[in-house]
Amino acid sequence: MPAQRLAEIDRLDVHPSYTNIALSDIANSVLGGELLDDARYVERGERRLDEWLAFTTASGAPHEFNSATYTAVDIARLAAIVEHARAPRIALKARIAEERLWLHVAAHFH
């Protein structure tokens, strides 16, 4: 059943502008792939993380940065990757993204 869920996540393949869904996809792919020992999903999650980072860098901000609900989900997903990912390079990318998101929140808090 978990492998079927990861296959469905892969099939949906949401656009990086849907930040909270994209980061949930990435966390599920990386952590689920590691749990199932399926490198395809770990690699997919890392590729999607790289795509999200590039998209967010190009636009200058996460698309849903001004939503307390979405931002909480975004930070939680990135923190889960940082805490649980076995691959140090993926955890580092997620940590940098989480820190950037926190900085963006702090700069725009009102």
N, C-alpha and C. Protein backbone atom coordinates (compact mmCIF):
# COMPACT_ATOMS: atom_id res chain seq x y z
N MET A 1 0.81 -1.20 0.00
CA MET A 1 0.00 0.00 0.00
C MET A 1 0.86 1.28 0.00
N PRO A 2 1.93 1.41 0.82
CA PRO A 2 2.73 2.63 0.77
C PRO A 2 3.34 2.89 -0.61
N ALA A 3 3.78 1.84 -1.29
CA ALA A 3 4.36 2.02 -2.62
C ALA A 3 3.32 2.56 -3.59
N GLN A 4 2.07 2.13 -3.45
CA GLN A 4 0.99 2.63 -4.31
C GLN A 4 0.75 4.12 -4.06
N ARG A 5 0.86 4.53 -2.80
CA ARG A 5 0.68 5.95 -2.48
C ARG A 5 1.78 6.80 -3.09
N LEU A 6 3.02 6.29 -3.03
CA LEU A 6 4.11 7.03 -3.65
C LEU A 6 3.94 7.08 -5.16
N ALA A 7 3.45 6.04 -5.75
CA ALA A 7 3.19 6.04 -7.19
C ALA A 7 2.13 7.08 -7.54
N GLU A 8 1.13 7.23 -6.70
CA GLU A 8 0.08 8.23 -6.93
C GLU A 8 0.63 9.64 -6.79
N ILE A 9 1.50 9.85 -5.81
CA ILE A 9 2.15 11.16 -5.65
C ILE A 9 2.94 11.49 -6.91
N ASP A 10 3.66 10.51 -7.42
CA ASP A 10 4.44 10.69 -8.64
C ASP A 10 3.53 11.02 -9.82
N ARG A 11 2.40 10.35 -9.90
CA ARG A 11 1.46 10.59 -11.00
C ARG A 11 0.90 12.01 -10.97
N LEU A 12 0.61 12.53 -9.77
CA LEU A 12 0.02 13.87 -9.65
C LEU A 12 1.00 14.96 -10.05
N ASP A 13 2.25 14.87 -9.59
CA ASP A 13 3.34 15.75 -10.01
C ASP A 13 2.92 17.22 -10.06
N VAL A 14 2.60 17.80 -8.90
CA VAL A 14 2.10 19.18 -8.83
C VAL A 14 3.19 20.20 -9.18
N HIS A 15 2.76 21.34 -9.64
CA HIS A 15 3.68 22.43 -10.00
C HIS A 15 4.31 23.01 -8.74
N PRO A 16 5.58 23.43 -8.81
CA PRO A 16 6.25 23.98 -7.63
C PRO A 16 5.59 25.22 -7.03
N SER A 17 4.73 25.89 -7.78
CA SER A 17 4.06 27.08 -7.24
C SER A 17 3.05 26.71 -6.14
N TYR A 18 2.60 25.47 -6.12
CA TYR A 18 1.73 24.99 -5.04
C TYR A 18 2.64 24.55 -3.90
N THR A 19 3.24 25.52 -3.24
CA THR A 19 4.34 25.26 -2.31
C THR A 19 4.04 24.19 -1.29
N ASN A 20 2.91 24.29 -0.59
CA ASN A 20 2.65 23.32 0.48
C ASN A 20 2.45 21.91 -0.06
N ILE A 21 1.82 21.79 -1.21
CA ILE A 21 1.61 20.47 -1.81
C ILE A 21 2.92 19.94 -2.38
N ALA A 22 3.69 20.82 -3.02
CA ALA A 22 4.97 20.41 -3.59
C ALA A 22 5.92 19.93 -2.49
N LEU A 23 5.99 20.65 -1.37
CA LEU A 23 6.88 20.25 -0.28
C LEU A 23 6.38 18.98 0.41
N SER A 24 5.08 18.78 0.47
CA SER A 24 4.54 17.52 1.01
C SER A 24 4.92 16.37 0.08
N ASP A 25 4.80 16.60 -1.22
CA ASP A 25 5.22 15.62 -2.23
C ASP A 25 6.69 15.26 -2.05
N ILE A 26 7.53 16.28 -1.89
CA ILE A 26 8.97 16.06 -1.75
C ILE A 26 9.27 15.27 -0.48
N ALA A 27 8.69 15.67 0.64
CA ALA A 27 8.92 14.96 1.91
C ALA A 27 8.45 13.52 1.82
N ASN A 28 7.27 13.31 1.25
CA ASN A 28 6.75 11.95 1.12
C ASN A 28 7.63 11.10 0.21
N SER A 29 8.11 11.69 -0.87
CA SER A 29 8.96 10.95 -1.81
C SER A 29 10.29 10.56 -1.18
N VAL A 30 10.96 11.54 -0.56
CA VAL A 30 12.27 11.27 0.04
C VAL A 30 12.13 10.29 1.20
N LEU A 31 11.27 10.62 2.15
CA LEU A 31 11.18 9.80 3.37
C LEU A 31 10.51 8.46 3.10
N GLY A 32 9.48 8.45 2.26
CA GLY A 32 8.84 7.19 1.90
C GLY A 32 9.77 6.29 1.11
N GLY A 33 10.52 6.90 0.18
CA GLY A 33 11.48 6.13 -0.59
C GLY A 33 12.56 5.52 0.29
N GLU A 34 13.02 6.30 1.27
CA GLU A 34 14.02 5.76 2.19
C GLU A 34 13.43 4.64 3.05
N LEU A 35 12.22 4.85 3.52
CA LEU A 35 11.56 3.84 4.35
C LEU A 35 11.38 2.53 3.58
N LEU A 36 11.00 2.64 2.33
CA LEU A 36 10.78 1.45 1.50
C LEU A 36 12.05 0.97 0.81
N ASP A 37 13.14 1.68 1.04
CA ASP A 37 14.41 1.35 0.40
C ASP A 37 14.26 1.34 -1.12
N ASP A 38 13.60 2.37 -1.63
CA ASP A 38 13.35 2.50 -3.06
C ASP A 38 14.02 3.78 -3.56
N ALA A 39 15.18 3.63 -4.13
CA ALA A 39 15.99 4.78 -4.55
C ALA A 39 15.27 5.65 -5.59
N ARG A 40 14.37 5.08 -6.37
CA ARG A 40 13.66 5.87 -7.39
C ARG A 40 12.91 7.03 -6.75
N TYR A 41 12.23 6.77 -5.63
CA TYR A 41 11.45 7.82 -4.98
C TYR A 41 12.35 8.82 -4.26
N VAL A 42 13.43 8.34 -3.66
CA VAL A 42 14.38 9.25 -3.02
C VAL A 42 14.96 10.20 -4.07
N GLU A 43 15.37 9.67 -5.20
CA GLU A 43 15.91 10.48 -6.30
C GLU A 43 14.86 11.44 -6.83
N ARG A 44 13.63 10.97 -6.96
CA ARG A 44 12.54 11.83 -7.42
C ARG A 44 12.34 12.98 -6.44
N GLY A 45 12.33 12.66 -5.14
CA GLY A 45 12.15 13.70 -4.13
C GLY A 45 13.26 14.73 -4.17
N GLU A 46 14.50 14.27 -4.34
CA GLU A 46 15.62 15.22 -4.41
C GLU A 46 15.51 16.07 -5.68
N ARG A 47 15.15 15.45 -6.79
CA ARG A 47 14.98 16.21 -8.04
C ARG A 47 13.89 17.27 -7.88
N ARG A 48 12.80 16.87 -7.25
CA ARG A 48 11.69 17.82 -7.03
C ARG A 48 12.10 18.93 -6.06
N LEU A 49 12.90 18.60 -5.06
CA LEU A 49 13.41 19.63 -4.14
C LEU A 49 14.28 20.62 -4.91
N ASP A 50 15.15 20.12 -5.77
CA ASP A 50 15.99 20.99 -6.59
C ASP A 50 15.12 21.88 -7.49
N GLU A 51 14.07 21.32 -8.08
CA GLU A 51 13.17 22.09 -8.94
C GLU A 51 12.45 23.17 -8.13
N TRP A 52 11.97 22.79 -6.92
CA TRP A 52 11.28 23.77 -6.08
C TRP A 52 12.23 24.89 -5.67
N LEU A 53 13.46 24.54 -5.30
CA LEU A 53 14.45 25.56 -4.92
C LEU A 53 14.74 26.51 -6.09
N ALA A 54 14.91 25.97 -7.29
CA ALA A 54 15.18 26.80 -8.47
C ALA A 54 13.99 27.70 -8.78
N PHE A 55 12.79 27.14 -8.73
CA PHE A 55 11.58 27.92 -9.01
C PHE A 55 11.41 29.04 -7.99
N THR A 56 11.61 28.71 -6.73
CA THR A 56 11.43 29.69 -5.65
C THR A 56 12.51 30.78 -5.73
N THR A 57 13.72 30.39 -6.06
CA THR A 57 14.81 31.37 -6.21
C THR A 57 14.51 32.30 -7.38
N ALA A 58 14.03 31.76 -8.49
CA ALA A 58 13.73 32.57 -9.67
C ALA A 58 12.60 33.56 -9.41
N SER A 59 11.61 33.15 -8.62
CA SER A 59 10.48 34.03 -8.36
C SER A 59 10.76 34.98 -7.19
N GLY A 60 11.78 34.67 -6.40
CA GLY A 60 12.15 35.54 -5.30
C GLY A 60 11.48 35.22 -3.97
N ALA A 61 10.48 34.35 -4.00
CA ALA A 61 9.77 34.01 -2.77
C ALA A 61 8.91 32.78 -2.99
N PRO A 62 8.65 32.03 -1.91
CA PRO A 62 7.66 30.95 -2.04
C PRO A 62 6.31 31.57 -2.39
N HIS A 63 5.57 30.94 -3.24
CA HIS A 63 4.31 31.53 -3.71
C HIS A 63 3.27 31.68 -2.62
N GLU A 64 3.30 30.87 -1.61
CA GLU A 64 2.27 30.93 -0.58
C GLU A 64 2.83 31.47 0.74
N PHE A 65 3.82 32.37 0.66
CA PHE A 65 4.53 32.80 1.85
C PHE A 65 3.64 33.57 2.83
N ASN A 66 2.60 34.21 2.36
CA ASN A 66 1.80 35.07 3.22
C ASN A 66 0.59 34.37 3.83
N SER A 67 0.62 33.07 3.87
CA SER A 67 -0.46 32.29 4.47
C SER A 67 0.09 31.57 5.70
N ALA A 68 -0.46 31.90 6.86
CA ALA A 68 0.00 31.26 8.09
C ALA A 68 -0.20 29.74 8.03
N THR A 69 -1.30 29.31 7.45
CA THR A 69 -1.58 27.88 7.35
C THR A 69 -0.58 27.19 6.44
N TYR A 70 -0.41 27.71 5.23
CA TYR A 70 0.49 27.08 4.28
C TYR A 70 1.94 27.16 4.74
N THR A 71 2.33 28.29 5.31
CA THR A 71 3.71 28.44 5.77
C THR A 71 4.02 27.43 6.86
N ALA A 72 3.09 27.19 7.76
CA ALA A 72 3.30 26.19 8.81
C ALA A 72 3.51 24.80 8.21
N VAL A 73 2.72 24.47 7.20
CA VAL A 73 2.89 23.18 6.51
C VAL A 73 4.25 23.13 5.83
N ASP A 74 4.62 24.21 5.14
CA ASP A 74 5.91 24.26 4.43
C ASP A 74 7.07 24.02 5.38
N ILE A 75 7.07 24.74 6.49
CA ILE A 75 8.15 24.62 7.46
C ILE A 75 8.17 23.22 8.07
N ALA A 76 7.01 22.68 8.37
CA ALA A 76 6.94 21.34 8.96
C ALA A 76 7.48 20.28 8.00
N ARG A 77 7.16 20.40 6.71
CA ARG A 77 7.64 19.41 5.74
C ARG A 77 9.15 19.49 5.59
N LEU A 78 9.67 20.70 5.49
CA LEU A 78 11.12 20.86 5.37
C LEU A 78 11.82 20.36 6.63
N ALA A 79 11.26 20.67 7.80
CA ALA A 79 11.85 20.21 9.07
C ALA A 79 11.85 18.69 9.16
N ALA A 80 10.80 18.05 8.65
CA ALA A 80 10.74 16.58 8.67
C ALA A 80 11.85 16.00 7.81
N ILE A 81 12.11 16.61 6.66
CA ILE A 81 13.20 16.13 5.81
C ILE A 81 14.53 16.32 6.53
N VAL A 82 14.73 17.50 7.11
CA VAL A 82 15.98 17.78 7.83
C VAL A 82 16.20 16.75 8.93
N GLU A 83 15.17 16.46 9.68
CA GLU A 83 15.29 15.57 10.83
C GLU A 83 15.42 14.10 10.47
N HIS A 84 14.75 13.68 9.40
CA HIS A 84 14.65 12.24 9.14
C HIS A 84 15.37 11.72 7.90
N ALA A 85 15.73 12.59 6.97
CA ALA A 85 16.37 12.11 5.74
C ALA A 85 17.73 11.49 6.07
N ARG A 86 17.98 10.36 5.48
CA ARG A 86 19.26 9.67 5.68
C ARG A 86 20.37 10.28 4.83
N ALA A 87 20.00 10.82 3.69
CA ALA A 87 20.99 11.40 2.77
C ALA A 87 21.38 12.80 3.26
N PRO A 88 22.61 12.99 3.69
CA PRO A 88 23.03 14.30 4.21
C PRO A 88 22.83 15.44 3.22
N ARG A 89 23.04 15.21 1.92
CA ARG A 89 22.90 16.29 0.94
C ARG A 89 21.45 16.75 0.82
N ILE A 90 20.51 15.81 0.95
CA ILE A 90 19.09 16.18 0.89
C ILE A 90 18.71 16.93 2.16
N ALA A 91 19.16 16.45 3.30
CA ALA A 91 18.87 17.13 4.58
C ALA A 91 19.44 18.55 4.57
N LEU A 92 20.63 18.72 4.01
CA LEU A 92 21.24 20.05 3.95
C LEU A 92 20.43 20.99 3.07
N LYS A 93 20.02 20.51 1.90
CA LYS A 93 19.19 21.34 1.01
C LYS A 93 17.90 21.76 1.72
N ALA A 94 17.28 20.80 2.41
CA ALA A 94 16.04 21.10 3.13
C ALA A 94 16.29 22.09 4.26
N ARG A 95 17.41 21.97 4.96
CA ARG A 95 17.74 22.90 6.04
C ARG A 95 17.92 24.32 5.50
N ILE A 96 18.63 24.43 4.38
CA ILE A 96 18.83 25.75 3.77
C ILE A 96 17.48 26.33 3.35
N ALA A 97 16.63 25.51 2.74
CA ALA A 97 15.31 25.97 2.32
C ALA A 97 14.46 26.39 3.52
N GLU A 98 14.52 25.60 4.59
CA GLU A 98 13.76 25.94 5.80
C GLU A 98 14.24 27.28 6.38
N GLU A 99 15.55 27.46 6.44
CA GLU A 99 16.10 28.71 6.96
C GLU A 99 15.69 29.90 6.08
N ARG A 100 15.74 29.72 4.78
CA ARG A 100 15.30 30.78 3.86
C ARG A 100 13.84 31.12 4.07
N LEU A 101 13.03 30.09 4.27
CA LEU A 101 11.61 30.32 4.49
C LEU A 101 11.38 31.09 5.79
N TRP A 102 12.07 30.69 6.86
CA TRP A 102 11.96 31.42 8.13
C TRP A 102 12.39 32.88 7.96
N LEU A 103 13.46 33.14 7.23
CA LEU A 103 13.91 34.51 6.99
C LEU A 103 12.86 35.29 6.22
N HIS A 104 12.25 34.64 5.24
CA HIS A 104 11.21 35.32 4.46
C HIS A 104 10.00 35.64 5.35
N VAL A 105 9.62 34.72 6.19
CA VAL A 105 8.50 34.95 7.11
C VAL A 105 8.84 36.13 8.03
N ALA A 106 10.03 36.12 8.61
CA ALA A 106 10.43 37.19 9.53
C ALA A 106 10.44 38.56 8.84
N ALA A 107 10.88 38.58 7.60
CA ALA A 107 10.96 39.85 6.86
C ALA A 107 9.59 40.39 6.48
N HIS A 108 8.59 39.52 6.42
CA HIS A 108 7.25 39.95 5.98
C HIS A 108 6.18 39.80 7.05
N PHE A 109 6.59 39.56 8.26
CA PHE A 109 5.61 39.38 9.35
C PHE A 109 4.95 40.73 9.66
N HIS A 110 3.64 40.70 9.74
CA HIS A 110 2.90 41.92 10.08
C HIS A 110 1.63 41.57 10.80
